[in-house]
């Protein structure tokens, strides 16, 4: 499982495309940008370098990369990475576990979550004593589904506790001597 500690200022919310207006790649009257620069052939290193240079200055680079990964976009340069560089990230996206995304969801923000992040939200919501109704609202699922998720989590936690080997602590070696009160030290 891939744990991510990089947290952008804000995560892109479900259906949010407003970040695109802040992108450096958006052509304006004062900043004309040729969109073809972001769709170079593999051997067009000048275009690749120029596109990556623009991406390096972009304030929404992370949102762009997240949108490309979450949407399955494999064409062009997105978030400062070429198609080939994003390939391994596309393969690992389902296992991404970014706790800042989980925390944002618990706080009520509608953001894109991977399967691993959704499981972490269920775990965190249960640990914080959230109702099934609140969990259903957070994950955009039915209350019945939220009840099922909580039931499965309770069962998994119970089974985990049952499968824990109990280790009894053996008494310290005394060499046949009887331990006295002073042999144990003070409690505080």
C-alpha atoms as a PDB file:
ATOM      1  CA  UNK A   1       0.000   0.000   0.000  1.00  0.00           C
ATOM      2  CA  UNK A   2       1.366   3.388  -0.938  1.00  0.00           C
ATOM      3  CA  UNK A   3       1.210   6.025   1.786  1.00  0.00           C
ATOM      4  CA  UNK A   4       1.425   9.622   0.693  1.00  0.00           C
ATOM      5  CA  UNK A   5       2.451  12.477   2.947  1.00  0.00           C
ATOM      6  CA  UNK A   6       2.404  15.253   0.345  1.00  0.00           C
ATOM      7  CA  UNK A   7      -0.675  17.329   0.939  1.00  0.00           C
ATOM      8  CA  UNK A   8      -1.689  20.130  -1.365  1.00  0.00           C
ATOM      9  CA  UNK A   9      -3.323  23.256  -0.008  1.00  0.00           C
ATOM     10  CA  UNK A  10      -6.679  21.807  -1.010  1.00  0.00           C
ATOM     11  CA  UNK A  11      -7.803  18.629  -2.666  1.00  0.00           C
ATOM     12  CA  UNK A  12      -9.934  18.756  -5.769  1.00  0.00           C
ATOM     13  CA  UNK A  13     -13.563  18.167  -4.901  1.00  0.00           C
ATOM     14  CA  UNK A  14     -15.907  15.857  -6.793  1.00  0.00           C
ATOM     15  CA  UNK A  15     -16.884  17.474 -10.082  1.00  0.00           C
ATOM     16  CA  UNK A  16     -14.607  20.462  -9.450  1.00  0.00           C
ATOM     17  CA  UNK A  17     -12.926  21.791 -12.581  1.00  0.00           C
ATOM     18  CA  UNK A  18     -12.394  25.354 -11.365  1.00  0.00           C
ATOM     19  CA  UNK A  19      -8.714  24.609 -10.789  1.00  0.00           C
ATOM     20  CA  UNK A  20      -8.285  24.617 -14.589  1.00  0.00           C
ATOM     21  CA  UNK A  21      -8.802  28.388 -14.661  1.00  0.00           C
ATOM     22  CA  UNK A  22      -5.669  28.809 -12.542  1.00  0.00           C
ATOM     23  CA  UNK A  23      -3.547  26.533 -14.740  1.00  0.00           C
ATOM     24  CA  UNK A  24      -0.512  28.043 -16.459  1.00  0.00           C
ATOM     25  CA  UNK A  25      -1.318  26.049 -19.606  1.00  0.00           C
ATOM     26  CA  UNK A  26      -4.514  28.042 -20.177  1.00  0.00           C
ATOM     27  CA  UNK A  27      -3.904  30.404 -23.046  1.00  0.00           C
ATOM     28  CA  UNK A  28      -4.848  34.041 -22.439  1.00  0.00           C
ATOM     29  CA  UNK A  29      -4.434  37.285 -24.340  1.00  0.00           C
ATOM     30  CA  UNK A  30      -1.332  38.084 -22.309  1.00  0.00           C
ATOM     31  CA  UNK A  31      -0.026  34.525 -22.049  1.00  0.00           C
ATOM     32  CA  UNK A  32      -0.524  32.704 -25.347  1.00  0.00           C
ATOM     33  CA  UNK A  33       0.163  28.987 -24.908  1.00  0.00           C
ATOM     34  CA  UNK A  34       0.057  26.471 -27.734  1.00  0.00           C
ATOM     35  CA  UNK A  35      -1.919  23.476 -26.401  1.00  0.00           C
ATOM     36  CA  UNK A  36      -0.058  21.179 -28.806  1.00  0.00           C
ATOM     37  CA  UNK A  37       3.037  21.567 -26.645  1.00  0.00           C
ATOM     38  CA  UNK A  38       1.382  19.266 -24.070  1.00  0.00           C
ATOM     39  CA  UNK A  39       0.875  16.468 -26.603  1.00  0.00           C
ATOM     40  CA  UNK A  40       4.375  15.856 -27.965  1.00  0.00           C
ATOM     41  CA  UNK A  41       5.608  12.748 -29.712  1.00  0.00           C
ATOM     42  CA  UNK A  42       8.058  10.713 -27.600  1.00  0.00           C
ATOM     43  CA  UNK A  43      11.054  12.018 -29.561  1.00  0.00           C
ATOM     44  CA  UNK A  44      10.076  15.722 -29.357  1.00  0.00           C
ATOM     45  CA  UNK A  45      12.268  16.501 -26.366  1.00  0.00           C
ATOM     46  CA  UNK A  46      12.096  20.277 -26.896  1.00  0.00           C
ATOM     47  CA  UNK A  47       8.291  20.237 -26.565  1.00  0.00           C
ATOM     48  CA  UNK A  48       8.502  17.945 -23.542  1.00  0.00           C
ATOM     49  CA  UNK A  49      11.024  20.231 -21.842  1.00  0.00           C
ATOM     50  CA  UNK A  50       8.947  23.340 -22.595  1.00  0.00           C
ATOM     51  CA  UNK A  51       5.735  21.741 -21.320  1.00  0.00           C
ATOM     52  CA  UNK A  52       7.390  20.498 -18.131  1.00  0.00           C
ATOM     53  CA  UNK A  53       8.865  23.956 -17.595  1.00  0.00           C
ATOM     54  CA  UNK A  54       5.375  25.484 -17.722  1.00  0.00           C
ATOM     55  CA  UNK A  55       4.032  22.772 -15.406  1.00  0.00           C
ATOM     56  CA  UNK A  56       6.810  23.526 -12.941  1.00  0.00           C
ATOM     57  CA  UNK A  57       5.410  27.061 -12.529  1.00  0.00           C
ATOM     58  CA  UNK A  58       1.781  25.981 -12.234  1.00  0.00           C
ATOM     59  CA  UNK A  59      -0.039  26.547  -8.913  1.00  0.00           C
ATOM     60  CA  UNK A  60      -2.512  23.712  -9.624  1.00  0.00           C
ATOM     61  CA  UNK A  61      -0.017  21.123 -10.817  1.00  0.00           C
ATOM     62  CA  UNK A  62      -1.053  18.595  -8.133  1.00  0.00           C
ATOM     63  CA  UNK A  63      -4.762  18.989  -8.943  1.00  0.00           C
ATOM     64  CA  UNK A  64      -3.948  18.455 -12.625  1.00  0.00           C
ATOM     65  CA  UNK A  65      -2.006  15.280 -11.845  1.00  0.00           C
ATOM     66  CA  UNK A  66      -4.750  13.994  -9.544  1.00  0.00           C
ATOM     67  CA  UNK A  67      -7.387  14.673 -12.214  1.00  0.00           C
ATOM     68  CA  UNK A  68      -5.354  12.790 -14.818  1.00  0.00           C
ATOM     69  CA  UNK A  69      -4.786   9.815 -12.516  1.00  0.00           C
ATOM     70  CA  UNK A  70      -8.307   9.651 -11.127  1.00  0.00           C
ATOM     71  CA  UNK A  71      -9.870  10.131 -14.557  1.00  0.00           C
ATOM     72  CA  UNK A  72      -7.588   7.615 -16.233  1.00  0.00           C
ATOM     73  CA  UNK A  73      -6.198  10.221 -18.651  1.00  0.00           C
ATOM     74  CA  UNK A  74      -3.175   8.699 -20.310  1.00  0.00           C
ATOM     75  CA  UNK A  75      -2.572  11.193 -23.136  1.00  0.00           C
ATOM     76  CA  UNK A  76      -0.275  14.189 -23.004  1.00  0.00           C
ATOM     77  CA  UNK A  77       1.690  15.854 -20.263  1.00  0.00           C
ATOM     78  CA  UNK A  78      -0.386  16.326 -17.113  1.00  0.00           C
ATOM     79  CA  UNK A  79       0.775  17.579 -13.746  1.00  0.00           C
ATOM     80  CA  UNK A  80       4.317  17.887 -15.065  1.00  0.00           C
ATOM     81  CA  UNK A  81       4.603  14.212 -16.006  1.00  0.00           C
ATOM     82  CA  UNK A  82       4.676  12.531 -19.389  1.00  0.00           C
ATOM     83  CA  UNK A  83       2.475   9.583 -20.298  1.00  0.00           C
ATOM     84  CA  UNK A  84       5.341   7.185 -19.554  1.00  0.00           C
ATOM     85  CA  UNK A  85       6.102   8.796 -16.187  1.00  0.00           C
ATOM     86  CA  UNK A  86       2.451   8.619 -15.129  1.00  0.00           C
ATOM     87  CA  UNK A  87       2.141   4.946 -16.146  1.00  0.00           C
ATOM     88  CA  UNK A  88       3.313   3.472 -12.815  1.00  0.00           C
ATOM     89  CA  UNK A  89       1.171   5.986 -10.923  1.00  0.00           C
ATOM     90  CA  UNK A  90      -1.907   4.903 -12.901  1.00  0.00           C
ATOM     91  CA  UNK A  91      -1.226   1.315 -11.877  1.00  0.00           C
ATOM     92  CA  UNK A  92      -0.876   2.252  -8.185  1.00  0.00           C
ATOM     93  CA  UNK A  93      -3.735   4.767  -7.911  1.00  0.00           C
ATOM     94  CA  UNK A  94      -6.174   2.227  -6.435  1.00  0.00           C
ATOM     95  CA  UNK A  95      -3.788   1.587  -3.540  1.00  0.00           C
ATOM     96  CA  UNK A  96      -3.079   5.259  -2.793  1.00  0.00           C
ATOM     97  CA  UNK A  97      -3.628   6.043   0.860  1.00  0.00           C
ATOM     98  CA  UNK A  98      -3.256   9.742   1.558  1.00  0.00           C
ATOM     99  CA  UNK A  99      -4.376  10.494   5.106  1.00  0.00           C
ATOM    100  CA  UNK A 100      -4.875  14.180   4.320  1.00  0.00           C
ATOM    101  CA  UNK A 101      -7.577  13.093   1.857  1.00  0.00           C
ATOM    102  CA  UNK A 102      -9.119  10.838   4.505  1.00  0.00           C
ATOM    103  CA  UNK A 103      -9.108  13.677   7.048  1.00  0.00           C
ATOM    104  CA  UNK A 104     -10.653  16.081   4.532  1.00  0.00           C
ATOM    105  CA  UNK A 105     -13.441  13.576   3.906  1.00  0.00           C
ATOM    106  CA  UNK A 106     -14.055  13.113   7.641  1.00  0.00           C
ATOM    107  CA  UNK A 107     -14.281  16.921   7.836  1.00  0.00           C
ATOM    108  CA  UNK A 108     -17.093  16.788   5.255  1.00  0.00           C
ATOM    109  CA  UNK A 109     -15.324  17.653   1.984  1.00  0.00           C
ATOM    110  CA  UNK A 110     -16.399  15.805  -1.162  1.00  0.00           C
ATOM    111  CA  UNK A 111     -13.137  14.628  -2.680  1.00  0.00           C
ATOM    112  CA  UNK A 112     -12.044  11.748  -4.867  1.00  0.00           C
ATOM    113  CA  UNK A 113     -11.037   8.719  -2.823  1.00  0.00           C
ATOM    114  CA  UNK A 114      -9.362   5.467  -3.731  1.00  0.00           C
ATOM    115  CA  UNK A 115     -10.596   2.142  -2.370  1.00  0.00           C
ATOM    116  CA  UNK A 116      -7.881   2.202   0.289  1.00  0.00           C
ATOM    117  CA  UNK A 117      -8.841   5.749   1.309  1.00  0.00           C
ATOM    118  CA  UNK A 118     -12.529   4.792   1.482  1.00  0.00           C
ATOM    119  CA  UNK A 119     -11.656   1.910   3.831  1.00  0.00           C
ATOM    120  CA  UNK A 120      -9.614   4.320   5.955  1.00  0.00           C
ATOM    121  CA  UNK A 121     -12.591   6.724   6.119  1.00  0.00           C
ATOM    122  CA  UNK A 122     -14.825   3.883   7.376  1.00  0.00           C
ATOM    123  CA  UNK A 123     -12.225   2.957   9.972  1.00  0.00           C
ATOM    124  CA  UNK A 124     -11.755   6.570  11.124  1.00  0.00           C
ATOM    125  CA  UNK A 125     -15.495   7.240  11.229  1.00  0.00           C
ATOM    126  CA  UNK A 126     -16.055   4.120  13.322  1.00  0.00           C
ATOM    127  CA  UNK A 127     -13.183   5.006  15.653  1.00  0.00           C
ATOM    128  CA  UNK A 128     -14.651   8.509  16.121  1.00  0.00           C
ATOM    129  CA  UNK A 129     -18.119   7.108  16.844  1.00  0.00           C
ATOM    130  CA  UNK A 130     -19.793   8.604  13.767  1.00  0.00           C
ATOM    131  CA  UNK A 131     -23.294   7.429  13.002  1.00  0.00           C
ATOM    132  CA  UNK A 132     -24.120   5.324   9.968  1.00  0.00           C
ATOM    133  CA  UNK A 133     -26.095   8.280   8.626  1.00  0.00           C
ATOM    134  CA  UNK A 134     -23.036  10.534   8.742  1.00  0.00           C
ATOM    135  CA  UNK A 135     -20.830   7.860   7.138  1.00  0.00           C
ATOM    136  CA  UNK A 136     -23.421   7.381   4.408  1.00  0.00           C
ATOM    137  CA  UNK A 137     -23.427  11.112   3.746  1.00  0.00           C
ATOM    138  CA  UNK A 138     -19.611  11.311   3.692  1.00  0.00           C
ATOM    139  CA  UNK A 139     -19.194   8.443   1.231  1.00  0.00           C
ATOM    140  CA  UNK A 140     -22.347   9.156  -0.803  1.00  0.00           C
ATOM    141  CA  UNK A 141     -23.788   5.715  -0.112  1.00  0.00           C
ATOM    142  CA  UNK A 142     -27.019   4.436   1.401  1.00  0.00           C
ATOM    143  CA  UNK A 143     -27.434   4.075   5.148  1.00  0.00           C
ATOM    144  CA  UNK A 144     -27.868   0.338   4.645  1.00  0.00           C
ATOM    145  CA  UNK A 145     -24.497   0.178   2.919  1.00  0.00           C
ATOM    146  CA  UNK A 146     -22.922   2.203   5.734  1.00  0.00           C
ATOM    147  CA  UNK A 147     -24.417  -0.225   8.274  1.00  0.00           C
ATOM    148  CA  UNK A 148     -22.938  -3.111   6.287  1.00  0.00           C
ATOM    149  CA  UNK A 149     -19.502  -1.444   6.242  1.00  0.00           C
ATOM    150  CA  UNK A 150     -19.612  -0.907  10.002  1.00  0.00           C
ATOM    151  CA  UNK A 151     -20.748  -4.521  10.540  1.00  0.00           C
ATOM    152  CA  UNK A 152     -17.858  -5.807   8.406  1.00  0.00           C
ATOM    153  CA  UNK A 153     -15.390  -3.580  10.262  1.00  0.00           C
ATOM    154  CA  UNK A 154     -16.648  -4.724  13.682  1.00  0.00           C
ATOM    155  CA  UNK A 155     -16.331  -8.348  12.547  1.00  0.00           C
ATOM    156  CA  UNK A 156     -12.801  -7.756  11.227  1.00  0.00           C
ATOM    157  CA  UNK A 157     -11.746  -6.048  14.465  1.00  0.00           C
ATOM    158  CA  UNK A 158     -13.274  -8.831  16.559  1.00  0.00           C
ATOM    159  CA  UNK A 159     -11.551 -11.515  14.477  1.00  0.00           C
ATOM    160  CA  UNK A 160      -8.262  -9.654  14.663  1.00  0.00           C
ATOM    161  CA  UNK A 161      -8.535  -9.544  18.444  1.00  0.00           C
ATOM    162  CA  UNK A 162      -9.422 -13.253  18.587  1.00  0.00           C
ATOM    163  CA  UNK A 163      -6.429 -14.179  16.442  1.00  0.00           C
ATOM    164  CA  UNK A 164      -3.955 -12.240  18.580  1.00  0.00           C
ATOM    165  CA  UNK A 165      -1.707 -14.733  20.370  1.00  0.00           C
ATOM    166  CA  UNK A 166      -1.769 -14.206  24.089  1.00  0.00           C
ATOM    167  CA  UNK A 167       1.700 -13.989  25.506  1.00  0.00           C
ATOM    168  CA  UNK A 168       2.031 -14.601  29.179  1.00  0.00           C
ATOM    169  CA  UNK A 169       4.979 -12.904  30.796  1.00  0.00           C
ATOM    170  CA  UNK A 170       7.241 -15.345  32.519  1.00  0.00           C
ATOM    171  CA  UNK A 171       8.542 -14.461  35.955  1.00  0.00           C
ATOM    172  CA  UNK A 172      12.078 -13.101  36.051  1.00  0.00           C
ATOM    173  CA  UNK A 173      14.888 -15.555  36.577  1.00  0.00           C
ATOM    174  CA  UNK A 174      15.723 -15.618  40.269  1.00  0.00           C
ATOM    175  CA  UNK A 175      18.125 -18.499  40.490  1.00  0.00           C
ATOM    176  CA  UNK A 176      15.964 -20.161  43.136  1.00  0.00           C
ATOM    177  CA  UNK A 177      15.871 -17.067  45.338  1.00  0.00           C
ATOM    178  CA  UNK A 178      12.623 -15.626  46.553  1.00  0.00           C
ATOM    179  CA  UNK A 179      12.012 -12.081  45.326  1.00  0.00           C
ATOM    180  CA  UNK A 180      11.285  -9.453  47.914  1.00  0.00           C
ATOM    181  CA  UNK A 181       9.407  -6.194  47.720  1.00  0.00           C
ATOM    182  CA  UNK A 182      12.573  -4.152  47.111  1.00  0.00           C
ATOM    183  CA  UNK A 183      13.485  -6.218  44.063  1.00  0.00           C
ATOM    184  CA  UNK A 184      10.695  -4.628  42.008  1.00  0.00           C
ATOM    185  CA  UNK A 185      11.603  -0.941  42.368  1.00  0.00           C
ATOM    186  CA  UNK A 186       9.096   1.855  42.664  1.00  0.00           C
ATOM    187  CA  UNK A 187       6.002   2.300  40.600  1.00  0.00           C
ATOM    188  CA  UNK A 188       6.366   6.020  40.087  1.00  0.00           C
END
